[in-house]
PDB file of N, CA and C in Angstrom:
ATOM      1  N   UNK A   1     -20.288   3.217 -17.382  1.00  0.00           N
ATOM      2  CA  UNK A   1     -21.199   2.640 -16.408  1.00  0.00           C
ATOM      3  C   UNK A   1     -21.906   3.777 -15.689  1.00  0.00           C
ATOM      4  N   UNK A   2     -23.194   3.709 -15.569  1.00  0.00           N
ATOM      5  CA  UNK A   2     -23.975   4.748 -14.922  1.00  0.00           C
ATOM      6  C   UNK A   2     -23.759   4.717 -13.418  1.00  0.00           C
ATOM      7  N   UNK A   3     -24.050   5.847 -12.795  1.00  0.00           N
ATOM      8  CA  UNK A   3     -23.840   5.985 -11.361  1.00  0.00           C
ATOM      9  C   UNK A   3     -24.626   4.948 -10.561  1.00  0.00           C
ATOM     10  N   UNK A   4     -25.883   4.661 -10.956  1.00  0.00           N
ATOM     11  CA  UNK A   4     -26.666   3.667 -10.222  1.00  0.00           C
ATOM     12  C   UNK A   4     -26.076   2.267 -10.376  1.00  0.00           C
ATOM     13  N   UNK A   5     -25.416   1.997 -11.516  1.00  0.00           N
ATOM     14  CA  UNK A   5     -24.770   0.702 -11.709  1.00  0.00           C
ATOM     15  C   UNK A   5     -23.576   0.561 -10.770  1.00  0.00           C
ATOM     16  N   UNK A   6     -22.815   1.647 -10.606  1.00  0.00           N
ATOM     17  CA  UNK A   6     -21.694   1.612  -9.664  1.00  0.00           C
ATOM     18  C   UNK A   6     -22.201   1.380  -8.255  1.00  0.00           C
ATOM     19  N   UNK A   7     -23.285   2.057  -7.908  1.00  0.00           N
ATOM     20  CA  UNK A   7     -23.857   1.897  -6.584  1.00  0.00           C
ATOM     21  C   UNK A   7     -24.304   0.457  -6.359  1.00  0.00           C
ATOM     22  N   UNK A   8     -24.971  -0.133  -7.357  1.00  0.00           N
ATOM     23  CA  UNK A   8     -25.408  -1.522  -7.244  1.00  0.00           C
ATOM     24  C   UNK A   8     -24.228  -2.471  -7.156  1.00  0.00           C
ATOM     25  N   UNK A   9     -23.170  -2.212  -7.938  1.00  0.00           N
ATOM     26  CA  UNK A   9     -21.982  -3.061  -7.897  1.00  0.00           C
ATOM     27  C   UNK A   9     -21.343  -2.996  -6.522  1.00  0.00           C
ATOM     28  N   UNK A  10     -21.312  -1.802  -5.934  1.00  0.00           N
ATOM     29  CA  UNK A  10     -20.737  -1.647  -4.597  1.00  0.00           C
ATOM     30  C   UNK A  10     -21.562  -2.412  -3.571  1.00  0.00           C
ATOM     31  N   UNK A  11     -22.883  -2.330  -3.662  1.00  0.00           N
ATOM     32  CA  UNK A  11     -23.747  -3.018  -2.716  1.00  0.00           C
ATOM     33  C   UNK A  11     -23.567  -4.525  -2.797  1.00  0.00           C
ATOM     34  N   UNK A  12     -23.437  -5.063  -3.993  1.00  0.00           N
ATOM     35  CA  UNK A  12     -23.241  -6.500  -4.156  1.00  0.00           C
ATOM     36  C   UNK A  12     -21.928  -6.921  -3.523  1.00  0.00           C
ATOM     37  N   UNK A  13     -20.839  -6.190  -3.827  1.00  0.00           N
ATOM     38  CA  UNK A  13     -19.545  -6.586  -3.282  1.00  0.00           C
ATOM     39  C   UNK A  13     -19.503  -6.405  -1.775  1.00  0.00           C
ATOM     40  N   UNK A  14     -20.197  -5.406  -1.246  1.00  0.00           N
ATOM     41  CA  UNK A  14     -20.219  -5.200   0.204  1.00  0.00           C
ATOM     42  C   UNK A  14     -20.934  -6.356   0.895  1.00  0.00           C
ATOM     43  N   UNK A  15     -21.975  -6.877   0.272  1.00  0.00           N
ATOM     44  CA  UNK A  15     -22.690  -8.011   0.856  1.00  0.00           C
ATOM     45  C   UNK A  15     -21.859  -9.277   0.809  1.00  0.00           C
ATOM     46  N   UNK A  16     -20.983  -9.406  -0.173  1.00  0.00           N
ATOM     47  CA  UNK A  16     -20.179 -10.605  -0.312  1.00  0.00           C
ATOM     48  C   UNK A  16     -18.988 -10.611   0.643  1.00  0.00           C
ATOM     49  N   UNK A  17     -18.652  -9.457   1.198  1.00  0.00           N
ATOM     50  CA  UNK A  17     -17.487  -9.350   2.071  1.00  0.00           C
ATOM     51  C   UNK A  17     -17.941  -9.225   3.524  1.00  0.00           C
ATOM     52  N   UNK A  18     -17.914 -10.319   4.271  1.00  0.00           N
ATOM     53  CA  UNK A  18     -18.318 -10.223   5.668  1.00  0.00           C
ATOM     54  C   UNK A  18     -17.320  -9.363   6.443  1.00  0.00           C
ATOM     55  N   UNK A  19     -17.827  -8.590   7.381  1.00  0.00           N
ATOM     56  CA  UNK A  19     -16.949  -7.720   8.152  1.00  0.00           C
ATOM     57  C   UNK A  19     -16.718  -8.302   9.542  1.00  0.00           C
ATOM     58  N   UNK A  20     -16.122  -9.471   9.572  1.00  0.00           N
ATOM     59  CA  UNK A  20     -15.822 -10.141  10.819  1.00  0.00           C
ATOM     60  C   UNK A  20     -14.589  -9.485  11.436  1.00  0.00           C
ATOM     61  N   UNK A  21     -14.741  -9.024  12.664  1.00  0.00           N
ATOM     62  CA  UNK A  21     -13.626  -8.393  13.358  1.00  0.00           C
ATOM     63  C   UNK A  21     -12.851  -9.472  14.109  1.00  0.00           C
ATOM     64  N   UNK A  22     -11.545  -9.469  13.900  1.00  0.00           N
ATOM     65  CA  UNK A  22     -10.671 -10.446  14.535  1.00  0.00           C
ATOM     66  C   UNK A  22      -9.716  -9.719  15.463  1.00  0.00           C
ATOM     67  N   UNK A  23      -9.622 -10.204  16.681  1.00  0.00           N
ATOM     68  CA  UNK A  23      -8.724  -9.615  17.675  1.00  0.00           C
ATOM     69  C   UNK A  23      -7.461 -10.465  17.737  1.00  0.00           C
ATOM     70  N   UNK A  24      -6.310  -9.827  17.534  1.00  0.00           N
ATOM     71  CA  UNK A  24      -5.040 -10.544  17.575  1.00  0.00           C
ATOM     72  C   UNK A  24      -4.097  -9.867  18.555  1.00  0.00           C
ATOM     73  N   UNK A  25      -3.216 -10.669  19.105  1.00  0.00           N
ATOM     74  CA  UNK A  25      -2.176 -10.159  19.990  1.00  0.00           C
ATOM     75  C   UNK A  25      -0.918  -9.933  19.177  1.00  0.00           C
ATOM     76  N   UNK A  26      -0.314  -8.769  19.296  1.00  0.00           N
ATOM     77  CA  UNK A  26       0.939  -8.469  18.613  1.00  0.00           C
ATOM     78  C   UNK A  26       1.920  -7.874  19.612  1.00  0.00           C
ATOM     79  N   UNK A  27       3.204  -8.118  19.356  1.00  0.00           N
ATOM     80  CA  UNK A  27       4.249  -7.571  20.224  1.00  0.00           C
ATOM     81  C   UNK A  27       4.722  -6.248  19.655  1.00  0.00           C
ATOM     82  N   UNK A  28       4.696  -5.217  20.496  1.00  0.00           N
ATOM     83  CA  UNK A  28       5.174  -3.888  20.121  1.00  0.00           C
ATOM     84  C   UNK A  28       6.190  -3.460  21.161  1.00  0.00           C
ATOM     85  N   UNK A  29       7.435  -3.318  20.715  1.00  0.00           N
ATOM     86  CA  UNK A  29       8.521  -2.925  21.616  1.00  0.00           C
ATOM     87  C   UNK A  29       8.582  -3.818  22.851  1.00  0.00           C
ATOM     88  N   UNK A  30       8.431  -5.110  22.627  1.00  0.00           N
ATOM     89  CA  UNK A  30       8.545  -6.068  23.710  1.00  0.00           C
ATOM     90  C   UNK A  30       7.304  -6.239  24.565  1.00  0.00           C
ATOM     91  N   UNK A  31       6.255  -5.511  24.304  1.00  0.00           N
ATOM     92  CA  UNK A  31       5.019  -5.679  25.079  1.00  0.00           C
ATOM     93  C   UNK A  31       3.918  -6.181  24.156  1.00  0.00           C
ATOM     94  N   UNK A  32       3.058  -7.019  24.693  1.00  0.00           N
ATOM     95  CA  UNK A  32       1.952  -7.541  23.896  1.00  0.00           C
ATOM     96  C   UNK A  32       0.753  -6.621  24.039  1.00  0.00           C
ATOM     97  N   UNK A  33       0.093  -6.420  22.910  1.00  0.00           N
ATOM     98  CA  UNK A  33      -1.141  -5.638  22.900  1.00  0.00           C
ATOM     99  C   UNK A  33      -2.122  -6.295  21.945  1.00  0.00           C
ATOM    100  N   UNK A  34      -3.379  -6.039  22.161  1.00  0.00           N
ATOM    101  CA  UNK A  34      -4.417  -6.604  21.298  1.00  0.00           C
ATOM    102  C   UNK A  34      -4.862  -5.559  20.282  1.00  0.00           C
ATOM    103  N   UNK A  35      -5.064  -6.031  19.059  1.00  0.00           N
ATOM    104  CA  UNK A  35      -5.547  -5.169  17.987  1.00  0.00           C
ATOM    105  C   UNK A  35      -6.739  -5.862  17.345  1.00  0.00           C
ATOM    106  N   UNK A  36      -7.819  -5.119  17.171  1.00  0.00           N
ATOM    107  CA  UNK A  36      -9.022  -5.652  16.529  1.00  0.00           C
ATOM    108  C   UNK A  36      -9.179  -5.018  15.155  1.00  0.00           C
ATOM    109  N   UNK A  37      -9.215  -5.887  14.126  1.00  0.00           N
ATOM    110  CA  UNK A  37      -9.378  -5.446  12.743  1.00  0.00           C
ATOM    111  C   UNK A  37     -10.251  -6.425  11.991  1.00  0.00           C
ATOM    112  N   UNK A  38     -10.895  -5.941  10.955  1.00  0.00           N
ATOM    113  CA  UNK A  38     -11.620  -6.823  10.058  1.00  0.00           C
ATOM    114  C   UNK A  38     -10.609  -7.710   9.339  1.00  0.00           C
ATOM    115  N   UNK A  39     -11.049  -8.917   8.994  1.00  0.00           N
ATOM    116  CA  UNK A  39     -10.158  -9.898   8.372  1.00  0.00           C
ATOM    117  C   UNK A  39      -9.492  -9.354   7.112  1.00  0.00           C
ATOM    118  N   UNK A  40     -10.216  -8.574   6.319  1.00  0.00           N
ATOM    119  CA  UNK A  40      -9.639  -8.017   5.085  1.00  0.00           C
ATOM    120  C   UNK A  40      -8.432  -7.130   5.396  1.00  0.00           C
ATOM    121  N   UNK A  41      -8.486  -6.377   6.491  1.00  0.00           N
ATOM    122  CA  UNK A  41      -7.351  -5.525   6.860  1.00  0.00           C
ATOM    123  C   UNK A  41      -6.185  -6.353   7.382  1.00  0.00           C
ATOM    124  N   UNK A  42      -6.464  -7.431   8.126  1.00  0.00           N
ATOM    125  CA  UNK A  42      -5.380  -8.315   8.563  1.00  0.00           C
ATOM    126  C   UNK A  42      -4.684  -8.930   7.348  1.00  0.00           C
ATOM    127  N   UNK A  43      -5.483  -9.396   6.377  1.00  0.00           N
ATOM    128  CA  UNK A  43      -4.890  -9.991   5.174  1.00  0.00           C
ATOM    129  C   UNK A  43      -4.056  -8.967   4.408  1.00  0.00           C
ATOM    130  N   UNK A  44      -4.588  -7.769   4.257  1.00  0.00           N
ATOM    131  CA  UNK A  44      -3.847  -6.718   3.563  1.00  0.00           C
ATOM    132  C   UNK A  44      -2.552  -6.372   4.276  1.00  0.00           C
ATOM    133  N   UNK A  45      -2.615  -6.268   5.588  1.00  0.00           N
ATOM    134  CA  UNK A  45      -1.420  -5.938   6.369  1.00  0.00           C
ATOM    135  C   UNK A  45      -0.373  -7.038   6.259  1.00  0.00           C
ATOM    136  N   UNK A  46      -0.814  -8.295   6.279  1.00  0.00           N
ATOM    137  CA  UNK A  46       0.128  -9.415   6.118  1.00  0.00           C
ATOM    138  C   UNK A  46       0.794  -9.376   4.749  1.00  0.00           C
ATOM    139  N   UNK A  47       0.022  -9.060   3.708  1.00  0.00           N
ATOM    140  CA  UNK A  47       0.594  -8.967   2.360  1.00  0.00           C
ATOM    141  C   UNK A  47       1.635  -7.853   2.278  1.00  0.00           C
ATOM    142  N   UNK A  48       1.339  -6.718   2.893  1.00  0.00           N
ATOM    143  CA  UNK A  48       2.280  -5.596   2.890  1.00  0.00           C
ATOM    144  C   UNK A  48       3.543  -5.985   3.653  1.00  0.00           C
ATOM    145  N   UNK A  49       3.372  -6.587   4.824  1.00  0.00           N
ATOM    146  CA  UNK A  49       4.527  -7.004   5.629  1.00  0.00           C
ATOM    147  C   UNK A  49       5.385  -7.988   4.839  1.00  0.00           C
ATOM    148  N   UNK A  50       4.752  -8.949   4.180  1.00  0.00           N
ATOM    149  CA  UNK A  50       5.480  -9.944   3.379  1.00  0.00           C
ATOM    150  C   UNK A  50       6.253  -9.264   2.252  1.00  0.00           C
ATOM    151  N   UNK A  51       5.611  -8.317   1.572  1.00  0.00           N
ATOM    152  CA  UNK A  51       6.272  -7.638   0.455  1.00  0.00           C
ATOM    153  C   UNK A  51       7.466  -6.814   0.913  1.00  0.00           C
ATOM    154  N   UNK A  52       7.464  -6.425   2.180  1.00  0.00           N
ATOM    155  CA  UNK A  52       8.576  -5.634   2.740  1.00  0.00           C
ATOM    156  C   UNK A  52       9.544  -6.492   3.552  1.00  0.00           C
ATOM    157  N   UNK A  53       9.344  -7.801   3.514  1.00  0.00           N
ATOM    158  CA  UNK A  53      10.185  -8.743   4.256  1.00  0.00           C
ATOM    159  C   UNK A  53      10.201  -8.409   5.746  1.00  0.00           C
ATOM    160  N   UNK A  54       9.005  -8.136   6.271  1.00  0.00           N
ATOM    161  CA  UNK A  54       8.843  -7.797   7.685  1.00  0.00           C
ATOM    162  C   UNK A  54       7.868  -8.775   8.322  1.00  0.00           C
ATOM    163  N   UNK A  55       7.940  -8.862   9.631  1.00  0.00           N
ATOM    164  CA  UNK A  55       6.930  -9.626  10.361  1.00  0.00           C
ATOM    165  C   UNK A  55       5.724  -8.724  10.587  1.00  0.00           C
ATOM    166  N   UNK A  56       4.604  -9.346  10.916  1.00  0.00           N
ATOM    167  CA  UNK A  56       3.401  -8.593  11.226  1.00  0.00           C
ATOM    168  C   UNK A  56       3.646  -7.691  12.438  1.00  0.00           C
ATOM    169  N   UNK A  57       4.288  -8.235  13.464  1.00  0.00           N
ATOM    170  CA  UNK A  57       4.600  -7.427  14.651  1.00  0.00           C
ATOM    171  C   UNK A  57       5.538  -6.273  14.312  1.00  0.00           C
ATOM    172  N   UNK A  58       6.476  -6.515  13.410  1.00  0.00           N
ATOM    173  CA  UNK A  58       7.413  -5.464  13.012  1.00  0.00           C
ATOM    174  C   UNK A  58       6.723  -4.305  12.330  1.00  0.00           C
ATOM    175  N   UNK A  59       5.826  -4.601  11.413  1.00  0.00           N
ATOM    176  CA  UNK A  59       5.140  -3.521  10.705  1.00  0.00           C
ATOM    177  C   UNK A  59       4.170  -2.795  11.635  1.00  0.00           C
ATOM    178  N   UNK A  60       3.497  -3.534  12.527  1.00  0.00           N
ATOM    179  CA  UNK A  60       2.591  -2.898  13.488  1.00  0.00           C
ATOM    180  C   UNK A  60       3.384  -2.009  14.446  1.00  0.00           C
ATOM    181  N   UNK A  61       4.548  -2.474  14.857  1.00  0.00           N
ATOM    182  CA  UNK A  61       5.404  -1.676  15.741  1.00  0.00           C
ATOM    183  C   UNK A  61       5.826  -0.375  15.063  1.00  0.00           C
ATOM    184  N   UNK A  62       6.200  -0.462  13.779  1.00  0.00           N
ATOM    185  CA  UNK A  62       6.559   0.746  13.020  1.00  0.00           C
ATOM    186  C   UNK A  62       5.382   1.715  12.940  1.00  0.00           C
ATOM    187  N   UNK A  63       4.217   1.176  12.654  1.00  0.00           N
ATOM    188  CA  UNK A  63       3.033   2.025  12.558  1.00  0.00           C
ATOM    189  C   UNK A  63       2.705   2.672  13.902  1.00  0.00           C
ATOM    190  N   UNK A  64       2.878   1.906  14.977  1.00  0.00           N
ATOM    191  CA  UNK A  64       2.598   2.430  16.306  1.00  0.00           C
ATOM    192  C   UNK A  64       3.553   3.569  16.661  1.00  0.00           C
ATOM    193  N   UNK A  65       4.815   3.427  16.287  1.00  0.00           N
ATOM    194  CA  UNK A  65       5.799   4.452  16.653  1.00  0.00           C
ATOM    195  C   UNK A  65       5.672   5.709  15.799  1.00  0.00           C
ATOM    196  N   UNK A  66       5.092   5.585  14.597  1.00  0.00           N
ATOM    197  CA  UNK A  66       4.943   6.742  13.714  1.00  0.00           C
ATOM    198  C   UNK A  66       3.499   7.205  13.580  1.00  0.00           C
ATOM    199  N   UNK A  67       2.591   6.476  14.225  1.00  0.00           N
ATOM    200  CA  UNK A  67       1.168   6.780  14.074  1.00  0.00           C
ATOM    201  C   UNK A  67       0.758   8.035  14.818  1.00  0.00           C
ATOM    202  N   UNK A  68       0.042   8.888  14.128  1.00  0.00           N
ATOM    203  CA  UNK A  68      -0.489  10.086  14.759  1.00  0.00           C
ATOM    204  C   UNK A  68      -1.959  10.262  14.384  1.00  0.00           C
ATOM    205  N   UNK A  69      -2.604   9.152  14.067  1.00  0.00           N
ATOM    206  CA  UNK A  69      -3.972   9.217  13.560  1.00  0.00           C
ATOM    207  C   UNK A  69      -5.007   8.763  14.587  1.00  0.00           C
ATOM    208  N   UNK A  70      -4.636   8.599  15.810  1.00  0.00           N
ATOM    209  CA  UNK A  70      -5.599   8.107  16.794  1.00  0.00           C
ATOM    210  C   UNK A  70      -5.206   6.730  17.272  1.00  0.00           C
ATOM    211  N   UNK A  71      -6.175   5.840  17.409  1.00  0.00           N
ATOM    212  CA  UNK A  71      -5.860   4.517  17.936  1.00  0.00           C
ATOM    213  C   UNK A  71      -5.166   3.644  16.893  1.00  0.00           C
ATOM    214  N   UNK A  72      -4.536   2.589  17.364  1.00  0.00           N
ATOM    215  CA  UNK A  72      -3.715   1.737  16.507  1.00  0.00           C
ATOM    216  C   UNK A  72      -4.533   1.038  15.428  1.00  0.00           C
ATOM    217  N   UNK A  73      -5.713   0.570  15.756  1.00  0.00           N
ATOM    218  CA  UNK A  73      -6.559  -0.082  14.739  1.00  0.00           C
ATOM    219  C   UNK A  73      -6.867   0.872  13.594  1.00  0.00           C
ATOM    220  N   UNK A  74      -7.192   2.111  13.919  1.00  0.00           N
ATOM    221  CA  UNK A  74      -7.465   3.114  12.879  1.00  0.00           C
ATOM    222  C   UNK A  74      -6.220   3.406  12.066  1.00  0.00           C
ATOM    223  N   UNK A  75      -5.081   3.496  12.725  1.00  0.00           N
ATOM    224  CA  UNK A  75      -3.821   3.749  12.032  1.00  0.00           C
ATOM    225  C   UNK A  75      -3.543   2.646  11.021  1.00  0.00           C
ATOM    226  N   UNK A  76      -3.769   1.392  11.427  1.00  0.00           N
ATOM    227  CA  UNK A  76      -3.522   0.255  10.533  1.00  0.00           C
ATOM    228  C   UNK A  76      -4.494   0.291   9.355  1.00  0.00           C
ATOM    229  N   UNK A  77      -5.775   0.535   9.627  1.00  0.00           N
ATOM    230  CA  UNK A  77      -6.755   0.590   8.537  1.00  0.00           C
ATOM    231  C   UNK A  77      -6.379   1.661   7.516  1.00  0.00           C
ATOM    232  N   UNK A  78      -6.015   2.840   7.984  1.00  0.00           N
ATOM    233  CA  UNK A  78      -5.652   3.925   7.074  1.00  0.00           C
ATOM    234  C   UNK A  78      -4.384   3.599   6.295  1.00  0.00           C
ATOM    235  N   UNK A  79      -3.427   2.941   6.937  1.00  0.00           N
ATOM    236  CA  UNK A  79      -2.193   2.544   6.270  1.00  0.00           C
ATOM    237  C   UNK A  79      -2.486   1.562   5.135  1.00  0.00           C
ATOM    238  N   UNK A  80      -3.304   0.539   5.420  1.00  0.00           N
ATOM    239  CA  UNK A  80      -3.647  -0.458   4.397  1.00  0.00           C
ATOM    240  C   UNK A  80      -4.432   0.209   3.262  1.00  0.00           C
ATOM    241  N   UNK A  81      -5.349   1.103   3.603  1.00  0.00           N
ATOM    242  CA  UNK A  81      -6.117   1.816   2.583  1.00  0.00           C
ATOM    243  C   UNK A  81      -5.194   2.664   1.707  1.00  0.00           C
ATOM    244  N   UNK A  82      -4.284   3.419   2.314  1.00  0.00           N
ATOM    245  CA  UNK A  82      -3.355   4.252   1.552  1.00  0.00           C
ATOM    246  C   UNK A  82      -2.455   3.408   0.655  1.00  0.00           C
ATOM    247  N   UNK A  83      -2.021   2.250   1.162  1.00  0.00           N
ATOM    248  CA  UNK A  83      -1.187   1.348   0.377  1.00  0.00           C
ATOM    249  C   UNK A  83      -1.963   0.834  -0.846  1.00  0.00           C
ATOM    250  N   UNK A  84      -3.213   0.439  -0.633  1.00  0.00           N
ATOM    251  CA  UNK A  84      -4.047  -0.066  -1.726  1.00  0.00           C
ATOM    252  C   UNK A  84      -4.329   1.028  -2.753  1.00  0.00           C
ATOM    253  N   UNK A  85      -4.578   2.240  -2.282  1.00  0.00           N
ATOM    254  CA  UNK A  85      -4.813   3.357  -3.213  1.00  0.00           C
ATOM    255  C   UNK A  85      -3.570   3.641  -4.050  1.00  0.00           C
ATOM    256  N   UNK A  86      -2.410   3.638  -3.410  1.00  0.00           N
ATOM    257  CA  UNK A  86      -1.165   3.891  -4.145  1.00  0.00           C
ATOM    258  C   UNK A  86      -0.939   2.800  -5.191  1.00  0.00           C
ATOM    259  N   UNK A  87      -1.216   1.549  -4.824  1.00  0.00           N
ATOM    260  CA  UNK A  87      -1.056   0.444  -5.773  1.00  0.00           C
ATOM    261  C   UNK A  87      -2.026   0.596  -6.942  1.00  0.00           C
ATOM    262  N   UNK A  88      -3.260   0.990  -6.655  1.00  0.00           N
ATOM    263  CA  UNK A  88      -4.251   1.188  -7.716  1.00  0.00           C
ATOM    264  C   UNK A  88      -3.841   2.336  -8.631  1.00  0.00           C
ATOM    265  N   UNK A  89      -3.301   3.392  -8.059  1.00  0.00           N
ATOM    266  CA  UNK A  89      -2.833   4.519  -8.870  1.00  0.00           C
ATOM    267  C   UNK A  89      -1.665   4.109  -9.758  1.00  0.00           C
ATOM    268  N   UNK A  90      -0.770   3.272  -9.235  1.00  0.00           N
ATOM    269  CA  UNK A  90       0.350   2.770 -10.035  1.00  0.00           C
ATOM    270  C   UNK A  90      -0.147   1.954 -11.222  1.00  0.00           C
ATOM    271  N   UNK A  91      -1.117   1.092 -10.971  1.00  0.00           N
ATOM    272  CA  UNK A  91      -1.681   0.266 -12.035  1.00  0.00           C
ATOM    273  C   UNK A  91      -2.359   1.151 -13.074  1.00  0.00           C
ATOM    274  N   UNK A  92      -3.128   2.136 -12.617  1.00  0.00           N
ATOM    275  CA  UNK A  92      -3.824   3.036 -13.535  1.00  0.00           C
ATOM    276  C   UNK A  92      -2.826   3.836 -14.372  1.00  0.00           C
ATOM    277  N   UNK A  93      -1.742   4.287 -13.753  1.00  0.00           N
ATOM    278  CA  UNK A  93      -0.740   5.066 -14.476  1.00  0.00           C
ATOM    279  C   UNK A  93      -0.062   4.229 -15.549  1.00  0.00           C
ATOM    280  N   UNK A  94       0.215   2.957 -15.219  1.00  0.00           N
ATOM    281  CA  UNK A  94       0.867   2.066 -16.189  1.00  0.00           C
ATOM    282  C   UNK A  94      -0.047   1.680 -17.338  1.00  0.00           C
ATOM    283  N   UNK A  95      -1.355   1.659 -17.069  1.00  0.00           N
ATOM    284  CA  UNK A  95      -2.298   1.256 -18.116  1.00  0.00           C
ATOM    285  C   UNK A  95      -2.908   2.450 -18.845  1.00  0.00           C
ATOM    286  N   UNK A  96      -2.398   3.630 -18.591  1.00  0.00           N
ATOM    287  CA  UNK A  96      -2.892   4.816 -19.281  1.00  0.00           C
ATOM    288  C   UNK A  96      -4.081   5.458 -18.632  1.00  0.00           C
ATOM    289  N   UNK A  97      -4.321   5.152 -17.362  1.00  0.00           N
ATOM    290  CA  UNK A  97      -5.434   5.782 -16.643  1.00  0.00           C
ATOM    291  C   UNK A  97      -6.658   4.897 -16.625  1.00  0.00           C
ATOM    292  N   UNK A  98      -7.592   5.289 -15.798  1.00  0.00           N
ATOM    293  CA  UNK A  98      -8.838   4.543 -15.671  1.00  0.00           C
ATOM    294  C   UNK A  98      -9.730   4.802 -16.877  1.00  0.00           C
ATOM    295  N   UNK A  99     -10.471   3.825 -17.278  1.00  0.00           N
ATOM    296  CA  UNK A  99     -11.409   3.974 -18.381  1.00  0.00           C
ATOM    297  C   UNK A  99     -10.764   4.120 -19.722  1.00  0.00           C
ATOM    298  N   UNK A 100      -9.533   3.643 -19.869  1.00  0.00           N
ATOM    299  CA  UNK A 100      -8.860   3.688 -21.158  1.00  0.00           C
ATOM    300  C   UNK A 100      -8.522   5.098 -21.621  1.00  0.00           C
ATOM    301  N   UNK A 101      -8.407   6.041 -20.660  1.00  0.00           N
ATOM    302  CA  UNK A 101      -8.027   7.392 -21.004  1.00  0.00           C
ATOM    303  C   UNK A 101      -9.198   8.288 -21.379  1.00  0.00           C
ATOM    304  N   UNK A 102     -10.408   7.741 -21.417  1.00  0.00           N
ATOM    305  CA  UNK A 102     -11.588   8.534 -21.736  1.00  0.00           C
ATOM    306  C   UNK A 102     -12.053   9.243 -20.482  1.00  0.00           C
ATOM    307  N   UNK A 103     -11.903  10.562 -20.427  1.00  0.00           N
ATOM    308  CA  UNK A 103     -12.272  11.323 -19.250  1.00  0.00           C
ATOM    309  C   UNK A 103     -13.613  12.010 -19.404  1.00  0.00           C
ATOM    310  N   UNK A 104     -14.284  11.794 -20.503  1.00  0.00           N
ATOM    311  CA  UNK A 104     -15.595  12.416 -20.700  1.00  0.00           C
ATOM    312  C   UNK A 104     -16.611  11.768 -19.774  1.00  0.00           C
ATOM    313  N   UNK A 105     -17.472  12.560 -19.135  1.00  0.00           N
ATOM    314  CA  UNK A 105     -18.423  12.004 -18.179  1.00  0.00           C
ATOM    315  C   UNK A 105     -19.724  11.956 -18.732  1.00  0.00           C
TER     316      UNK A 105
END
């Protein structure tokens, strides 16, 4: 796929994904705080929490106590992104790499 095709594919998918920010209240160490994230990040975080048999508040609390990346919303976004990248790398490794192993550009 040519570079302009990738760019066009990205633009189409970006238009299809609304970036609605949702503010939710979560309990961290017994105190309630508000976190604002795009819906896609909330869904991703819920999936990760479910896969780890944790509550949403539990995983956010863990991230808050170990976060050193700035504000909590940013910490959560980076965590979900890193989780998705690791999952994609696992899939690519199991399938022999991206593009069927053809690394020629």
